[in-house]
Amino acid sequence: MLAGLADWRHRRGNQTLTFLVVMTYSSGAIGERDLSRLYCMPQNLVNVIEACLSGQNVQDLAAIVLQDAVLSARVIQAASKSHGRELDAVEPITSAIQLLGIPALTGIALQAAGRVVAHDFSDVELSYLNGLWFSSQVAGKVARCVSATVSYPHVEEAQLTGLLLNLGMYDLFAGFGEAYAELAVATFSSRDLCRREQERWQTDHLQAAERLIEPWHLDSFLIDAIRFLHIDISQIENSAAEDCPSEPAVLLSAPAIDRRD
């Protein structure tokens, strides 16, 4: 095992973003290939690593992980692949950390840090990622608050759903880089962005997110929140069909939470 110290600096205007991270390289890789190429928020990775090393409890670690969409996805993916039983859909991040253990969580964060450090971001890419990281955080927190107002008791599930609404954008950005960032920032609504993504790449960010999330087999409305994001609210409210979401009160908030609608 080789350990090194990397200093990642990016300039945006007069701001300097410095990310010091201890990178650990090993022969094993945790997580799916598609998720491992997505970019986590650097400061949150620092927070997770420090929390793991300081011995914080699982609940505190889960709260930190839930600030980052990609890290949350990687933790759930790793836990669902490594253990035979399904994760607790009510507290998916908490149960995933409990199954994986602190050393594995630390390893996931270090590998994610290595991915960020290795990429030379352009100003356009960094500006787009900063906005996406922030908006995902806000969406997760809004969803957590909304769940309480509609008397939905599973706040961690709700927060994760809001957090991952734009997971497909991370995926398309990882694949197409600056070209995707330029397309995304020039498009106002999520619906219009999906249309332009389909025209250019024959897929869209909702389809990309669904492909990433489906293998987790979570007994959750998470996948429905993404699948039905652009369906008219009246259809969700009035339909009794089996393929409609079972938690409409929370799901109805998804378009409002989405950063582009």
Protein backbone atom coordinates (compact mmCIF):
# COMPACT_ATOMS: atom_id res chain seq x y z
CA MET A 1 0.00 0.00 0.00
CA LEU A 2 1.35 3.36 -1.04
CA ALA A 3 0.36 6.52 0.79
CA GLY A 4 1.03 10.01 -0.52
CA LEU A 5 -0.02 13.59 0.07
CA ALA A 6 -1.70 15.49 -2.74
CA ASP A 7 -2.42 19.21 -2.91
CA TRP A 8 -5.27 20.10 -5.24
CA ARG A 9 -5.66 23.77 -6.08
CA HIS A 10 -8.06 25.43 -8.46
CA ARG A 11 -8.53 29.13 -9.05
CA ARG A 12 -11.89 30.70 -9.83
CA GLY A 13 -11.63 34.49 -9.98
CA ASN A 14 -9.92 35.52 -6.76
CA GLN A 15 -10.85 32.34 -4.94
CA THR A 16 -8.43 29.47 -4.37
CA LEU A 17 -9.75 26.03 -3.54
CA THR A 18 -7.13 23.96 -1.77
CA PHE A 19 -7.79 20.34 -1.01
CA LEU A 20 -5.23 18.43 1.04
CA VAL A 21 -5.98 14.74 1.09
CA VAL A 22 -4.05 11.66 2.07
CA MET A 23 -4.54 9.24 -0.81
CA THR A 24 -4.38 5.53 -0.23
CA TYR A 25 -3.85 3.28 -3.22
CA SER A 26 -4.60 -0.41 -3.02
CA SER A 27 -5.32 -3.25 -5.40
CA GLY A 28 -8.97 -3.49 -4.34
CA ALA A 29 -11.67 -1.20 -5.65
CA ILE A 30 -14.89 -0.52 -3.77
CA GLY A 31 -18.01 0.30 -5.73
CA GLU A 32 -19.28 0.06 -9.27
CA ARG A 33 -17.19 1.32 -12.14
CA ASP A 34 -19.86 3.81 -13.25
CA LEU A 35 -20.11 5.34 -9.79
CA SER A 36 -16.37 5.36 -9.20
CA ARG A 37 -15.87 7.81 -12.06
CA LEU A 38 -18.24 10.39 -10.58
CA TYR A 39 -16.87 13.33 -8.58
CA CYS A 40 -17.53 13.86 -4.87
CA MET A 41 -17.36 17.19 -3.08
CA PRO A 42 -13.74 17.62 -1.84
CA GLN A 43 -14.49 19.32 1.48
CA ASN A 44 -17.08 16.73 2.38
CA LEU A 45 -14.56 13.97 1.73
CA VAL A 46 -12.21 15.69 4.16
CA ASN A 47 -15.03 15.84 6.71
CA VAL A 48 -15.83 12.15 6.30
CA ILE A 49 -12.21 11.04 6.57
CA GLU A 50 -11.63 13.19 9.67
CA ALA A 51 -14.84 11.89 11.26
CA CYS A 52 -13.84 8.28 10.59
CA LEU A 53 -10.37 8.80 12.05
CA SER A 54 -11.76 10.56 15.13
CA GLY A 55 -14.14 7.70 15.90
CA GLN A 56 -17.47 9.45 15.45
CA ASN A 57 -20.59 7.31 15.70
CA VAL A 58 -22.59 5.91 12.78
CA GLN A 59 -25.36 8.52 13.03
CA ASP A 60 -22.86 11.40 12.83
CA LEU A 61 -21.08 9.75 9.90
CA ALA A 62 -24.38 9.24 8.07
CA ALA A 63 -25.23 12.92 8.51
CA ILE A 64 -21.93 13.89 6.88
CA VAL A 65 -22.23 11.37 4.03
CA LEU A 66 -25.73 12.71 3.29
CA GLN A 67 -24.18 16.05 2.31
CA ASP A 68 -22.78 14.51 -0.88
CA ALA A 69 -24.85 12.81 -3.60
CA VAL A 70 -22.04 10.82 -5.18
CA LEU A 71 -20.54 9.66 -1.89
CA SER A 72 -23.99 8.57 -0.68
CA ALA A 73 -24.49 6.60 -3.88
CA ARG A 74 -21.07 4.96 -3.60
CA VAL A 75 -21.68 3.93 0.00
CA ILE A 76 -25.05 2.36 -0.81
CA GLN A 77 -23.66 0.64 -3.89
CA ALA A 78 -20.75 -0.84 -1.97
CA ALA A 79 -23.00 -2.09 0.83
CA SER A 80 -25.58 -3.60 -1.53
CA LYS A 81 -22.86 -5.46 -3.44
CA SER A 82 -20.94 -6.65 -0.41
CA HIS A 83 -23.81 -8.08 1.64
CA GLY A 84 -26.59 -10.50 0.79
CA ARG A 85 -29.43 -8.80 2.60
CA GLU A 86 -31.24 -5.66 1.50
CA LEU A 87 -30.48 -2.31 3.05
CA ASP A 88 -32.97 -0.64 5.33
CA ALA A 89 -34.90 1.65 2.95
CA VAL A 90 -35.93 3.87 5.86
CA GLU A 91 -32.31 4.64 6.82
CA PRO A 92 -30.29 3.54 3.78
CA ILE A 93 -27.08 5.43 4.54
CA THR A 94 -27.04 4.53 8.23
CA SER A 95 -27.63 0.84 7.50
CA ALA A 96 -25.03 0.88 4.70
CA ILE A 97 -22.37 2.30 7.04
CA GLN A 98 -23.28 -0.26 9.70
CA LEU A 99 -22.87 -3.08 7.18
CA LEU A 100 -19.63 -1.78 5.67
CA GLY A 101 -17.86 -0.64 8.83
CA ILE A 102 -15.70 2.44 9.39
CA PRO A 103 -12.55 1.13 7.61
CA ALA A 104 -14.51 0.45 4.43
CA LEU A 105 -16.16 3.88 4.56
CA THR A 106 -12.73 5.48 4.99
CA GLY A 107 -11.49 3.53 1.97
CA ILE A 108 -14.41 4.68 -0.18
CA ALA A 109 -13.75 8.31 0.77
CA LEU A 110 -10.03 7.99 0.03
CA GLN A 111 -10.68 6.43 -3.36
CA ALA A 112 -13.17 9.18 -4.19
CA ALA A 113 -10.55 11.76 -3.16
CA GLY A 114 -8.03 10.16 -5.47
CA ARG A 115 -10.49 10.50 -8.35
CA VAL A 116 -10.96 14.22 -7.69
CA VAL A 117 -7.25 14.91 -7.24
CA ALA A 118 -6.32 13.09 -10.45
CA HIS A 119 -8.54 15.23 -12.70
CA ASP A 120 -7.39 18.60 -14.04
CA PHE A 121 -10.65 20.56 -14.03
CA SER A 122 -11.16 23.51 -16.35
CA ASP A 123 -12.71 26.69 -14.97
CA VAL A 124 -16.00 25.82 -16.69
CA GLU A 125 -16.03 22.32 -15.21
CA LEU A 126 -15.17 23.48 -11.72
CA SER A 127 -17.78 26.23 -11.78
CA TYR A 128 -20.44 23.74 -12.90
CA LEU A 129 -19.45 21.15 -10.29
CA ASN A 130 -19.48 23.71 -7.49
CA GLY A 131 -23.05 24.60 -8.43
CA LEU A 132 -24.11 20.96 -8.72
CA TRP A 133 -22.55 20.00 -5.37
CA PHE A 134 -24.27 22.90 -3.64
CA SER A 135 -27.69 22.41 -5.25
CA SER A 136 -27.68 18.69 -4.42
CA GLN A 137 -26.97 19.49 -0.78
CA VAL A 138 -29.81 22.00 -0.68
CA ALA A 139 -32.23 19.62 -2.42
CA GLY A 140 -31.51 16.94 0.17
CA LYS A 141 -32.07 19.30 3.08
CA VAL A 142 -35.27 20.69 1.57
CA ALA A 143 -36.62 17.17 1.04
CA ARG A 144 -35.84 16.32 4.67
CA CYS A 145 -37.80 19.39 5.82
CA VAL A 146 -40.69 18.72 3.45
CA SER A 147 -41.04 15.15 4.73
CA ALA A 148 -41.78 16.51 8.20
CA THR A 149 -44.39 18.95 6.94
CA VAL A 150 -46.33 16.17 5.15
CA SER A 151 -45.98 13.80 8.13
CA TYR A 152 -43.69 11.41 6.31
CA PRO A 153 -41.61 9.87 9.12
CA HIS A 154 -38.63 8.53 7.19
CA VAL A 155 -36.53 11.69 6.96
CA GLU A 156 -33.27 9.99 5.94
CA GLU A 157 -34.96 8.32 2.98
CA ALA A 158 -36.51 11.65 2.00
CA GLN A 159 -33.18 13.48 2.26
CA LEU A 160 -31.45 10.85 0.15
CA THR A 161 -34.17 11.15 -2.49
CA GLY A 162 -33.73 14.90 -2.79
CA LEU A 163 -29.96 14.52 -2.77
CA LEU A 164 -29.96 12.03 -5.66
CA LEU A 165 -32.48 13.72 -7.96
CA ASN A 166 -29.59 15.03 -10.06
CA LEU A 167 -27.32 11.98 -9.79
CA GLY A 168 -27.62 11.48 -13.54
CA MET A 169 -26.09 14.92 -14.12
CA TYR A 170 -22.96 13.79 -12.29
CA ASP A 171 -22.89 10.73 -14.53
CA LEU A 172 -23.23 12.66 -17.79
CA PHE A 173 -20.70 15.23 -16.62
CA ALA A 174 -18.20 12.47 -15.85
CA GLY A 175 -18.71 11.14 -19.36
CA PHE A 176 -18.75 14.35 -21.39
CA GLY A 177 -16.97 16.89 -19.17
CA GLU A 178 -16.91 20.49 -20.32
CA ALA A 179 -19.29 19.84 -23.22
CA TYR A 180 -21.94 18.71 -20.76
CA ALA A 181 -21.25 21.56 -18.33
CA GLU A 182 -21.73 24.11 -21.10
CA LEU A 183 -24.97 22.47 -22.21
CA ALA A 184 -26.32 22.25 -18.66
CA VAL A 185 -25.59 25.84 -17.63
CA ALA A 186 -27.21 27.12 -20.84
CA THR A 187 -30.45 25.22 -20.14
CA PHE A 188 -33.06 26.54 -17.73
CA SER A 189 -35.31 23.61 -16.86
CA SER A 190 -34.69 19.94 -16.10
CA ARG A 191 -37.30 18.98 -18.69
CA ASP A 192 -35.59 21.03 -21.40
CA LEU A 193 -32.20 19.71 -20.36
CA CYS A 194 -33.43 16.14 -20.77
CA ARG A 195 -34.62 16.98 -24.28
CA ARG A 196 -31.28 18.50 -25.26
CA GLU A 197 -29.37 15.57 -23.70
CA GLN A 198 -31.45 13.14 -25.76
CA GLU A 199 -30.79 15.11 -28.93
CA ARG A 200 -27.04 15.13 -28.37
CA TRP A 201 -26.28 11.86 -26.59
CA GLN A 202 -29.44 9.73 -26.96
CA THR A 203 -29.91 9.53 -23.19
CA ASP A 204 -30.79 11.94 -20.40
CA HIS A 205 -29.87 12.50 -16.76
CA LEU A 206 -33.04 10.87 -15.41
CA GLN A 207 -32.36 7.69 -17.39
CA ALA A 208 -28.73 7.78 -16.26
CA ALA A 209 -29.75 8.10 -12.61
CA GLU A 210 -32.26 5.28 -12.91
CA ARG A 211 -29.60 2.97 -14.38
CA LEU A 212 -27.28 3.72 -11.47
CA ILE A 213 -29.91 3.33 -8.73
CA GLU A 214 -31.90 0.32 -9.95
CA PRO A 215 -29.23 -2.30 -9.07
CA TRP A 216 -29.48 -1.31 -5.39
CA HIS A 217 -32.96 -2.92 -5.17
CA LEU A 218 -34.01 -0.52 -2.41
CA ASP A 219 -37.60 -0.90 -1.22
CA SER A 220 -37.99 2.85 -1.50
CA PHE A 221 -39.83 5.52 -3.48
CA LEU A 222 -36.41 6.89 -4.52
CA ILE A 223 -36.50 5.39 -7.99
CA ASP A 224 -40.08 6.60 -8.50
CA ALA A 225 -39.13 10.15 -7.54
CA ILE A 226 -36.68 10.17 -10.45
CA ARG A 227 -38.81 8.18 -12.87
CA PHE A 228 -41.89 10.38 -12.37
CA LEU A 229 -40.08 13.72 -11.97
CA HIS A 230 -41.50 15.23 -15.16
CA ILE A 231 -44.99 13.77 -14.94
CA ASP A 232 -47.75 16.31 -14.34
CA ILE A 233 -48.70 16.58 -10.67
CA SER A 234 -52.35 15.93 -11.50
CA GLN A 235 -51.44 12.53 -12.95
CA ILE A 236 -49.72 11.52 -9.73
CA GLU A 237 -52.51 12.87 -7.53
CA ASN A 238 -55.36 11.23 -9.42
CA SER A 239 -53.91 7.98 -10.69
CA ALA A 240 -54.46 4.73 -8.82
CA ALA A 241 -52.46 2.64 -11.24
CA GLU A 242 -49.97 0.16 -9.86
CA ASP A 243 -47.02 1.83 -11.57
CA CYS A 244 -47.58 5.15 -9.82
CA PRO A 245 -45.64 6.15 -6.71
CA SER A 246 -46.91 4.94 -3.36
CA GLU A 247 -45.72 8.04 -1.46
CA PRO A 248 -47.24 10.90 -3.53
CA ALA A 249 -47.11 13.48 -0.74
CA VAL A 250 -43.32 13.45 -0.71
CA LEU A 251 -42.95 12.78 -4.42
CA LEU A 252 -45.06 15.80 -5.35
CA SER A 253 -42.32 18.00 -3.92
CA ALA A 254 -39.67 16.58 -6.26
CA PRO A 255 -40.16 19.07 -9.14
CA ALA A 256 -39.95 21.96 -6.68
CA ILE A 257 -36.81 20.52 -5.11
CA ASP A 258 -35.17 19.88 -8.47
CA ARG A 259 -32.67 22.67 -9.08
CA ARG A 260 -33.94 23.39 -12.59
CA ASP A 261 -37.74 23.33 -12.26
